[in-house]
Full PDB file with SEQRES, HELIX, SHEET, SSBOND, CRYST1, ORIGX, SCALE, CONECT and MASTER records, all heavy atoms in Angstrom:
SEQRES   1 A   31  LYS VAL THR ASP LEU ASN GLY GLN LYS ALA GLY GLN GLN          
SEQRES   2 A   31  LEU LEU ASN GLU PHE ILE GLU GLN LEU ALA LEU ASP LEU          
SEQRES   3 A   31  PRO LYS PHE MET GLU                                          
HELIX    1 AA1 GLN A   12  PHE A   18  1                                   7    
HELIX    2 AA2 GLN A   21  LEU A   24  1                                   4    
HELIX    3 AA3 LEU A   26  MET A   30  1                                   5    
SHEET    1 AA1 2 VAL A   2  THR A   3  0                                        
SHEET    2 AA1 2 LYS A   9  ALA A  10 -1                                        
CRYST1    1.000    1.000    1.000  90.00  90.00  90.00 P 1           1          
ORIGX1      1.000000  0.000000  0.000000        0.00000                         
ORIGX2      0.000000  1.000000  0.000000        0.00000                         
ORIGX3      0.000000  0.000000  1.000000        0.00000                         
SCALE1      1.000000  0.000000  0.000000        0.00000                         
SCALE2      0.000000  1.000000  0.000000        0.00000                         
SCALE3      0.000000  0.000000  1.000000        0.00000                         
ATOM      1  N   LYS A   1      17.188 142.842  22.032  1.00  0.00           N  
ATOM      2  CA  LYS A   1      17.133 142.380  20.654  1.00  0.00           C  
ATOM      3  C   LYS A   1      18.484 141.735  20.325  1.00  0.00           C  
ATOM      4  O   LYS A   1      19.516 142.386  20.456  1.00  0.00           O  
ATOM      5  CB  LYS A   1      16.865 143.556  19.710  1.00  0.00           C  
ATOM      6  CG  LYS A   1      16.830 143.163  18.232  1.00  0.00           C  
ATOM      7  CD  LYS A   1      16.598 144.405  17.366  1.00  0.00           C  
ATOM      8  CE  LYS A   1      16.630 144.071  15.886  1.00  0.00           C  
ATOM      9  NZ  LYS A   1      16.462 145.297  15.039  1.00  0.00           N  
ATOM     10  N   VAL A   2      18.444 140.465  19.928  1.00  0.00           N  
ATOM     11  CA  VAL A   2      19.665 139.737  19.576  1.00  0.00           C  
ATOM     12  C   VAL A   2      19.543 139.302  18.123  1.00  0.00           C  
ATOM     13  O   VAL A   2      18.569 138.622  17.747  1.00  0.00           O  
ATOM     14  CB  VAL A   2      19.884 138.511  20.479  1.00  0.00           C  
ATOM     15  CG1 VAL A   2      21.169 137.793  20.103  1.00  0.00           C  
ATOM     16  CG2 VAL A   2      19.917 138.933  21.940  1.00  0.00           C  
ATOM     17  N   THR A   3      20.523 139.678  17.299  1.00  0.00           N  
ATOM     18  CA  THR A   3      20.486 139.366  15.873  1.00  0.00           C  
ATOM     19  C   THR A   3      21.769 138.631  15.491  1.00  0.00           C  
ATOM     20  O   THR A   3      22.874 139.080  15.855  1.00  0.00           O  
ATOM     21  CB  THR A   3      20.380 140.646  15.030  1.00  0.00           C  
ATOM     22  OG1 THR A   3      19.302 141.442  15.521  1.00  0.00           O  
ATOM     23  CG2 THR A   3      20.163 140.308  13.572  1.00  0.00           C  
ATOM     24  N   ASP A   4      21.652 137.496  14.738  1.00  0.00           N  
ATOM     25  CA  ASP A   4      22.850 136.772  14.321  1.00  0.00           C  
ATOM     26  C   ASP A   4      23.284 137.230  12.930  1.00  0.00           C  
ATOM     27  O   ASP A   4      22.697 138.138  12.332  1.00  0.00           O  
ATOM     28  CB  ASP A   4      22.617 135.257  14.363  1.00  0.00           C  
ATOM     29  CG  ASP A   4      21.545 134.796  13.387  1.00  0.00           C  
ATOM     30  OD1 ASP A   4      21.185 135.568  12.476  1.00  0.00           O  
ATOM     31  OD2 ASP A   4      21.060 133.650  13.546  1.00  0.00           O  
ATOM     32  N   LEU A   5      24.310 136.590  12.401  1.00  0.00           N  
ATOM     33  CA  LEU A   5      24.876 136.985  11.109  1.00  0.00           C  
ATOM     34  C   LEU A   5      23.858 136.874   9.974  1.00  0.00           C  
ATOM     35  O   LEU A   5      23.942 137.605   8.976  1.00  0.00           O  
ATOM     36  CB  LEU A   5      26.096 136.120  10.786  1.00  0.00           C  
ATOM     37  CG  LEU A   5      27.381 136.456  11.560  1.00  0.00           C  
ATOM     38  CD1 LEU A   5      28.439 135.401  11.290  1.00  0.00           C  
ATOM     39  CD2 LEU A   5      27.892 137.836  11.183  1.00  0.00           C  
ATOM     40  N   ASN A   6      22.942 135.958  10.110  1.00  0.00           N  
ATOM     41  CA  ASN A   6      21.948 135.751   9.071  1.00  0.00           C  
ATOM     42  C   ASN A   6      20.707 136.611   9.257  1.00  0.00           C  
ATOM     43  O   ASN A   6      19.723 136.445   8.538  1.00  0.00           O  
ATOM     44  CB  ASN A   6      21.535 134.274   9.026  1.00  0.00           C  
ATOM     45  CG  ASN A   6      22.709 133.360   8.734  1.00  0.00           C  
ATOM     46  OD1 ASN A   6      23.546 133.680   7.887  1.00  0.00           O  
ATOM     47  ND2 ASN A   6      22.774 132.226   9.428  1.00  0.00           N  
ATOM     48  N   GLY A   7      20.754 137.491  10.210  1.00  0.00           N  
ATOM     49  CA  GLY A   7      19.614 138.357  10.445  1.00  0.00           C  
ATOM     50  C   GLY A   7      18.513 137.726  11.259  1.00  0.00           C  
ATOM     51  O   GLY A   7      17.450 138.317  11.448  1.00  0.00           O  
ATOM     52  N   GLN A   8      18.772 136.501  11.780  1.00  0.00           N  
ATOM     53  CA  GLN A   8      17.766 135.816  12.589  1.00  0.00           C  
ATOM     54  C   GLN A   8      17.701 136.438  13.981  1.00  0.00           C  
ATOM     55  O   GLN A   8      18.730 136.807  14.561  1.00  0.00           O  
ATOM     56  CB  GLN A   8      18.108 134.325  12.696  1.00  0.00           C  
ATOM     57  CG  GLN A   8      18.103 133.598  11.368  1.00  0.00           C  
ATOM     58  CD  GLN A   8      16.714 133.564  10.740  1.00  0.00           C  
ATOM     59  OE1 GLN A   8      15.718 133.310  11.430  1.00  0.00           O  
ATOM     60  NE2 GLN A   8      16.650 133.833   9.435  1.00  0.00           N  
ATOM     61  N   LYS A   9      16.530 136.533  14.519  1.00  0.00           N  
ATOM     62  CA  LYS A   9      16.332 137.129  15.844  1.00  0.00           C  
ATOM     63  C   LYS A   9      16.397 136.046  16.930  1.00  0.00           C  
ATOM     64  O   LYS A   9      16.030 134.902  16.724  1.00  0.00           O  
ATOM     65  CB  LYS A   9      14.984 137.843  15.919  1.00  0.00           C  
ATOM     66  CG  LYS A   9      14.799 138.936  14.878  1.00  0.00           C  
ATOM     67  CD  LYS A   9      15.795 140.066  15.096  1.00  0.00           C  
ATOM     68  CE  LYS A   9      15.455 141.252  14.174  1.00  0.00           C  
ATOM     69  NZ  LYS A   9      15.667 140.949  12.745  1.00  0.00           N  
ATOM     70  N   ALA A  10      16.900 136.431  18.086  1.00  0.00           N  
ATOM     71  CA  ALA A  10      16.988 135.519  19.237  1.00  0.00           C  
ATOM     72  C   ALA A  10      16.788 136.339  20.505  1.00  0.00           C  
ATOM     73  O   ALA A  10      16.565 137.557  20.445  1.00  0.00           O  
ATOM     74  CB  ALA A  10      18.316 134.778  19.251  1.00  0.00           C  
ATOM     75  N   GLY A  11      16.912 135.669  21.656  1.00  0.00           N  
ATOM     76  CA  GLY A  11      16.697 136.377  22.920  1.00  0.00           C  
ATOM     77  C   GLY A  11      17.724 136.005  23.981  1.00  0.00           C  
ATOM     78  O   GLY A  11      18.808 135.512  23.688  1.00  0.00           O  
ATOM     79  N   GLN A  12      17.326 136.215  25.232  1.00  0.00           N  
ATOM     80  CA  GLN A  12      18.242 135.999  26.355  1.00  0.00           C  
ATOM     81  C   GLN A  12      18.714 134.555  26.446  1.00  0.00           C  
ATOM     82  O   GLN A  12      19.842 134.283  26.865  1.00  0.00           O  
ATOM     83  CB  GLN A  12      17.543 136.401  27.665  1.00  0.00           C  
ATOM     84  CG  GLN A  12      18.466 136.404  28.873  1.00  0.00           C  
ATOM     85  CD  GLN A  12      19.558 137.448  28.753  1.00  0.00           C  
ATOM     86  OE1 GLN A  12      19.291 138.603  28.433  1.00  0.00           O  
ATOM     87  NE2 GLN A  12      20.800 137.052  28.985  1.00  0.00           N  
ATOM     88  N   GLN A  13      17.859 133.620  26.055  1.00  0.00           N  
ATOM     89  CA  GLN A  13      18.237 132.214  26.153  1.00  0.00           C  
ATOM     90  C   GLN A  13      19.485 131.908  25.343  1.00  0.00           C  
ATOM     91  O   GLN A  13      20.348 131.147  25.772  1.00  0.00           O  
ATOM     92  CB  GLN A  13      17.068 131.335  25.685  1.00  0.00           C  
ATOM     93  CG  GLN A  13      17.322 129.842  25.892  1.00  0.00           C  
ATOM     94  CD  GLN A  13      16.095 129.010  25.551  1.00  0.00           C  
ATOM     95  OE1 GLN A  13      15.049 129.547  25.226  1.00  0.00           O  
ATOM     96  NE2 GLN A  13      16.236 127.705  25.643  1.00  0.00           N  
ATOM     97  N   LEU A  14      19.602 132.509  24.158  1.00  0.00           N  
ATOM     98  CA  LEU A  14      20.799 132.312  23.335  1.00  0.00           C  
ATOM     99  C   LEU A  14      22.026 132.888  24.027  1.00  0.00           C  
ATOM    100  O   LEU A  14      23.093 132.263  24.055  1.00  0.00           O  
ATOM    101  CB  LEU A  14      20.607 132.959  21.967  1.00  0.00           C  
ATOM    102  CG  LEU A  14      21.837 132.932  21.031  1.00  0.00           C  
ATOM    103  CD1 LEU A  14      22.231 131.499  20.720  1.00  0.00           C  
ATOM    104  CD2 LEU A  14      21.548 133.699  19.747  1.00  0.00           C  
ATOM    105  N   LEU A  15      21.868 134.085  24.591  1.00  0.00           N  
ATOM    106  CA  LEU A  15      23.005 134.701  25.292  1.00  0.00           C  
ATOM    107  C   LEU A  15      23.462 133.851  26.465  1.00  0.00           C  
ATOM    108  O   LEU A  15      24.654 133.725  26.746  1.00  0.00           O  
ATOM    109  CB  LEU A  15      22.625 136.107  25.780  1.00  0.00           C  
ATOM    110  CG  LEU A  15      22.326 137.144  24.696  1.00  0.00           C  
ATOM    111  CD1 LEU A  15      21.945 138.472  25.356  1.00  0.00           C  
ATOM    112  CD2 LEU A  15      23.517 137.341  23.779  1.00  0.00           C  
ATOM    113  N   ASN A  16      22.504 133.250  27.176  1.00  0.00           N  
ATOM    114  CA  ASN A  16      22.846 132.455  28.357  1.00  0.00           C  
ATOM    115  C   ASN A  16      23.709 131.244  28.026  1.00  0.00           C  
ATOM    116  O   ASN A  16      24.374 130.698  28.904  1.00  0.00           O  
ATOM    117  CB  ASN A  16      21.575 131.998  29.074  1.00  0.00           C  
ATOM    118  CG  ASN A  16      20.832 133.157  29.722  1.00  0.00           C  
ATOM    119  OD1 ASN A  16      21.418 134.221  29.932  1.00  0.00           O  
ATOM    120  ND2 ASN A  16      19.571 132.962  30.035  1.00  0.00           N  
ATOM    121  N   GLU A  17      23.681 130.826  26.771  1.00  0.00           N  
ATOM    122  CA  GLU A  17      24.484 129.669  26.392  1.00  0.00           C  
ATOM    123  C   GLU A  17      25.978 129.950  26.467  1.00  0.00           C  
ATOM    124  O   GLU A  17      26.767 129.055  26.739  1.00  0.00           O  
ATOM    125  CB  GLU A  17      24.117 129.216  24.968  1.00  0.00           C  
ATOM    126  CG  GLU A  17      22.718 128.622  24.857  1.00  0.00           C  
ATOM    127  CD  GLU A  17      22.413 128.174  23.439  1.00  0.00           C  
ATOM    128  OE1 GLU A  17      23.359 128.173  22.607  1.00  0.00           O  
ATOM    129  OE2 GLU A  17      21.246 127.839  23.156  1.00  0.00           O  
ATOM    130  N   PHE A  18      26.370 131.179  26.199  1.00  0.00           N  
ATOM    131  CA  PHE A  18      27.811 131.477  26.186  1.00  0.00           C  
ATOM    132  C   PHE A  18      28.218 132.585  27.154  1.00  0.00           C  
ATOM    133  O   PHE A  18      29.396 132.892  27.283  1.00  0.00           O  
ATOM    134  CB  PHE A  18      28.281 131.837  24.765  1.00  0.00           C  
ATOM    135  CG  PHE A  18      27.608 133.047  24.175  1.00  0.00           C  
ATOM    136  CD1 PHE A  18      28.055 134.323  24.466  1.00  0.00           C  
ATOM    137  CD2 PHE A  18      26.531 132.905  23.312  1.00  0.00           C  
ATOM    138  CE1 PHE A  18      27.446 135.434  23.921  1.00  0.00           C  
ATOM    139  CE2 PHE A  18      25.912 134.019  22.754  1.00  0.00           C  
ATOM    140  CZ  PHE A  18      26.365 135.288  23.069  1.00  0.00           C  
ATOM    141  N   ILE A  19      27.252 133.174  27.848  1.00  0.00           N  
ATOM    142  CA  ILE A  19      27.589 134.210  28.830  1.00  0.00           C  
ATOM    143  C   ILE A  19      27.595 133.588  30.222  1.00  0.00           C  
ATOM    144  O   ILE A  19      26.579 133.090  30.692  1.00  0.00           O  
ATOM    145  CB  ILE A  19      26.585 135.380  28.794  1.00  0.00           C  
ATOM    146  CG1 ILE A  19      26.589 136.035  27.415  1.00  0.00           C  
ATOM    147  CG2 ILE A  19      26.941 136.400  29.871  1.00  0.00           C  
ATOM    148  CD1 ILE A  19      27.911 136.626  26.999  1.00  0.00           C  
ATOM    149  N   GLU A  20      28.740 133.585  30.884  1.00  0.00           N  
ATOM    150  CA  GLU A  20      28.836 133.094  32.254  1.00  0.00           C  
ATOM    151  C   GLU A  20      28.489 134.232  33.215  1.00  0.00           C  
ATOM    152  O   GLU A  20      29.073 135.319  33.148  1.00  0.00           O  
ATOM    153  CB  GLU A  20      30.249 132.577  32.534  1.00  0.00           C  
ATOM    154  CG  GLU A  20      30.554 132.248  33.983  1.00  0.00           C  
ATOM    155  CD  GLU A  20      29.509 131.339  34.612  1.00  0.00           C  
ATOM    156  OE1 GLU A  20      29.136 130.315  33.975  1.00  0.00           O  
ATOM    157  OE2 GLU A  20      29.058 131.652  35.724  1.00  0.00           O  
ATOM    158  N   GLN A  21      27.526 133.988  34.095  1.00  0.00           N  
ATOM    159  CA  GLN A  21      27.034 135.034  34.996  1.00  0.00           C  
ATOM    160  C   GLN A  21      28.157 135.628  35.845  1.00  0.00           C  
ATOM    161  O   GLN A  21      28.208 136.841  36.072  1.00  0.00           O  
ATOM    162  CB  GLN A  21      25.940 134.464  35.901  1.00  0.00           C  
ATOM    163  CG  GLN A  21      24.716 133.931  35.145  1.00  0.00           C  
ATOM    164  CD  GLN A  21      23.965 135.025  34.407  1.00  0.00           C  
ATOM    165  OE1 GLN A  21      23.536 135.992  35.013  1.00  0.00           O  
ATOM    166  NE2 GLN A  21      23.851 134.883  33.090  1.00  0.00           N  
ATOM    167  N   LEU A  22      29.059 134.777  36.321  1.00  0.00           N  
ATOM    168  CA  LEU A  22      30.150 135.293  37.163  1.00  0.00           C  
ATOM    169  C   LEU A  22      31.142 136.131  36.369  1.00  0.00           C  
ATOM    170  O   LEU A  22      31.873 136.934  36.941  1.00  0.00           O  
ATOM    171  CB  LEU A  22      30.876 134.131  37.849  1.00  0.00           C  
ATOM    172  CG  LEU A  22      30.145 133.497  39.026  1.00  0.00           C  
ATOM    173  CD1 LEU A  22      30.937 132.325  39.585  1.00  0.00           C  
ATOM    174  CD2 LEU A  22      29.886 134.512  40.134  1.00  0.00           C  
ATOM    175  N   ALA A  23      31.174 135.935  35.030  1.00  0.00           N  
ATOM    176  CA  ALA A  23      32.048 136.771  34.207  1.00  0.00           C  
ATOM    177  C   ALA A  23      31.571 138.213  34.222  1.00  0.00           C  
ATOM    178  O   ALA A  23      32.358 139.156  34.069  1.00  0.00           O  
ATOM    179  CB  ALA A  23      32.093 136.243  32.772  1.00  0.00           C  
ATOM    180  N   LEU A  24      30.258 138.383  34.407  1.00  0.00           N  
ATOM    181  CA  LEU A  24      29.676 139.725  34.484  1.00  0.00           C  
ATOM    182  C   LEU A  24      29.764 140.302  35.888  1.00  0.00           C  
ATOM    183  O   LEU A  24      29.556 141.493  36.087  1.00  0.00           O  
ATOM    184  CB  LEU A  24      28.207 139.673  34.045  1.00  0.00           C  
ATOM    185  CG  LEU A  24      27.943 139.080  32.646  1.00  0.00           C  
ATOM    186  CD1 LEU A  24      26.450 139.024  32.378  1.00  0.00           C  
ATOM    187  CD2 LEU A  24      28.660 139.882  31.576  1.00  0.00           C  
ATOM    188  N   ASP A  25      30.022 139.447  36.851  1.00  0.00           N  
ATOM    189  CA  ASP A  25      30.076 139.889  38.262  1.00  0.00           C  
ATOM    190  C   ASP A  25      31.200 139.141  38.970  1.00  0.00           C  
ATOM    191  O   ASP A  25      30.975 138.394  39.919  1.00  0.00           O  
ATOM    192  CB  ASP A  25      28.726 139.621  38.937  1.00  0.00           C  
ATOM    193  CG  ASP A  25      28.633 140.269  40.313  1.00  0.00           C  
ATOM    194  OD1 ASP A  25      29.519 141.089  40.646  1.00  0.00           O  
ATOM    195  OD2 ASP A  25      27.701 139.943  41.056  1.00  0.00           O  
ATOM    196  N   LEU A  26      32.419 139.302  38.494  1.00  0.00           N  
ATOM    197  CA  LEU A  26      33.568 138.584  39.064  1.00  0.00           C  
ATOM    198  C   LEU A  26      33.783 138.888  40.545  1.00  0.00           C  
ATOM    199  O   LEU A  26      34.168 138.000  41.314  1.00  0.00           O  
ATOM    200  CB  LEU A  26      34.839 138.891  38.269  1.00  0.00           C  
ATOM    201  CG  LEU A  26      36.024 137.952  38.530  1.00  0.00           C  
ATOM    202  CD1 LEU A  26      35.657 136.525  38.132  1.00  0.00           C  
ATOM    203  CD2 LEU A  26      37.258 138.397  37.775  1.00  0.00           C  
ATOM    204  N   PRO A  27      33.554 140.131  41.007  1.00  0.00           N  
ATOM    205  CA  PRO A  27      33.710 140.389  42.454  1.00  0.00           C  
ATOM    206  C   PRO A  27      32.863 139.473  43.322  1.00  0.00           C  
ATOM    207  O   PRO A  27      33.240 139.160  44.453  1.00  0.00           O  
ATOM    208  CB  PRO A  27      33.282 141.864  42.596  1.00  0.00           C  
ATOM    209  CG  PRO A  27      33.593 142.463  41.268  1.00  0.00           C  
ATOM    210  CD  PRO A  27      33.290 141.386  40.260  1.00  0.00           C  
ATOM    211  N   LYS A  28      31.708 139.025  42.803  1.00  0.00           N  
ATOM    212  CA  LYS A  28      30.866 138.120  43.584  1.00  0.00           C  
ATOM    213  C   LYS A  28      31.625 136.842  43.908  1.00  0.00           C  
ATOM    214  O   LYS A  28      31.548 136.318  45.027  1.00  0.00           O  
ATOM    215  CB  LYS A  28      29.588 137.801  42.805  1.00  0.00           C  
ATOM    216  CG  LYS A  28      28.652 136.848  43.538  1.00  0.00           C  
ATOM    217  CD  LYS A  28      27.394 136.587  42.723  1.00  0.00           C  
ATOM    218  CE  LYS A  28      26.472 135.609  43.460  1.00  0.00           C  
ATOM    219  NZ  LYS A  28      25.248 135.317  42.685  1.00  0.00           N  
ATOM    220  N   PHE A  29      32.364 136.352  42.917  1.00  0.00           N  
ATOM    221  CA  PHE A  29      33.171 135.150  43.160  1.00  0.00           C  
ATOM    222  C   PHE A  29      34.343 135.463  44.087  1.00  0.00           C  
ATOM    223  O   PHE A  29      34.631 134.715  45.020  1.00  0.00           O  
ATOM    224  CB  PHE A  29      33.693 134.593  41.836  1.00  0.00           C  
ATOM    225  CG  PHE A  29      34.638 133.434  42.005  1.00  0.00           C  
ATOM    226  CD1 PHE A  29      34.157 132.148  42.211  1.00  0.00           C  
ATOM    227  CD2 PHE A  29      36.016 133.620  41.995  1.00  0.00           C  
ATOM    228  CE1 PHE A  29      35.024 131.082  42.381  1.00  0.00           C  
ATOM    229  CE2 PHE A  29      36.887 132.565  42.159  1.00  0.00           C  
ATOM    230  CZ  PHE A  29      36.383 131.288  42.352  1.00  0.00           C  
ATOM    231  N   MET A  30      35.023 136.576  43.850  1.00  0.00           N  
ATOM    232  CA  MET A  30      36.211 136.914  44.632  1.00  0.00           C  
ATOM    233  C   MET A  30      35.874 137.192  46.087  1.00  0.00           C  
ATOM    234  O   MET A  30      36.700 136.967  46.978  1.00  0.00           O  
ATOM    235  CB  MET A  30      36.925 138.117  44.011  1.00  0.00           C  
ATOM    236  CG  MET A  30      37.430 137.855  42.593  1.00  0.00           C  
ATOM    237  SD  MET A  30      38.293 139.268  41.867  1.00  0.00           S  
ATOM    238  CE  MET A  30      39.799 139.282  42.836  1.00  0.00           C  
ATOM    239  N   GLU A  31      34.662 137.687  46.345  1.00  0.00           N  
ATOM    240  CA  GLU A  31      34.265 138.000  47.723  1.00  0.00           C  
ATOM    241  C   GLU A  31      33.663 136.803  48.452  1.00  0.00           C  
ATOM    242  O   GLU A  31      33.375 136.877  49.648  1.00  0.00           O  
ATOM    243  CB  GLU A  31      33.246 139.150  47.713  1.00  0.00           C  
ATOM    244  CG  GLU A  31      33.853 140.478  47.265  1.00  0.00           C  
ATOM    245  CD  GLU A  31      32.797 141.510  46.934  1.00  0.00           C  
ATOM    246  OE1 GLU A  31      31.600 141.206  47.160  1.00  0.00           O  
ATOM    247  OE2 GLU A  31      33.164 142.598  46.459  1.00  0.00           O  
TER     248      GLU A  31                                                      
MASTER        0    0    0    3    2    0    0    6  247    1    0    3          
END                                                                             
């Protein structure tokens, strides 16, 4: 469940816009 300041609902697609996958798994890049 993703909620913005205005109470609007969103999903994973919104998160993917600003979440870098390697930021969540930096060892993958380092290895």
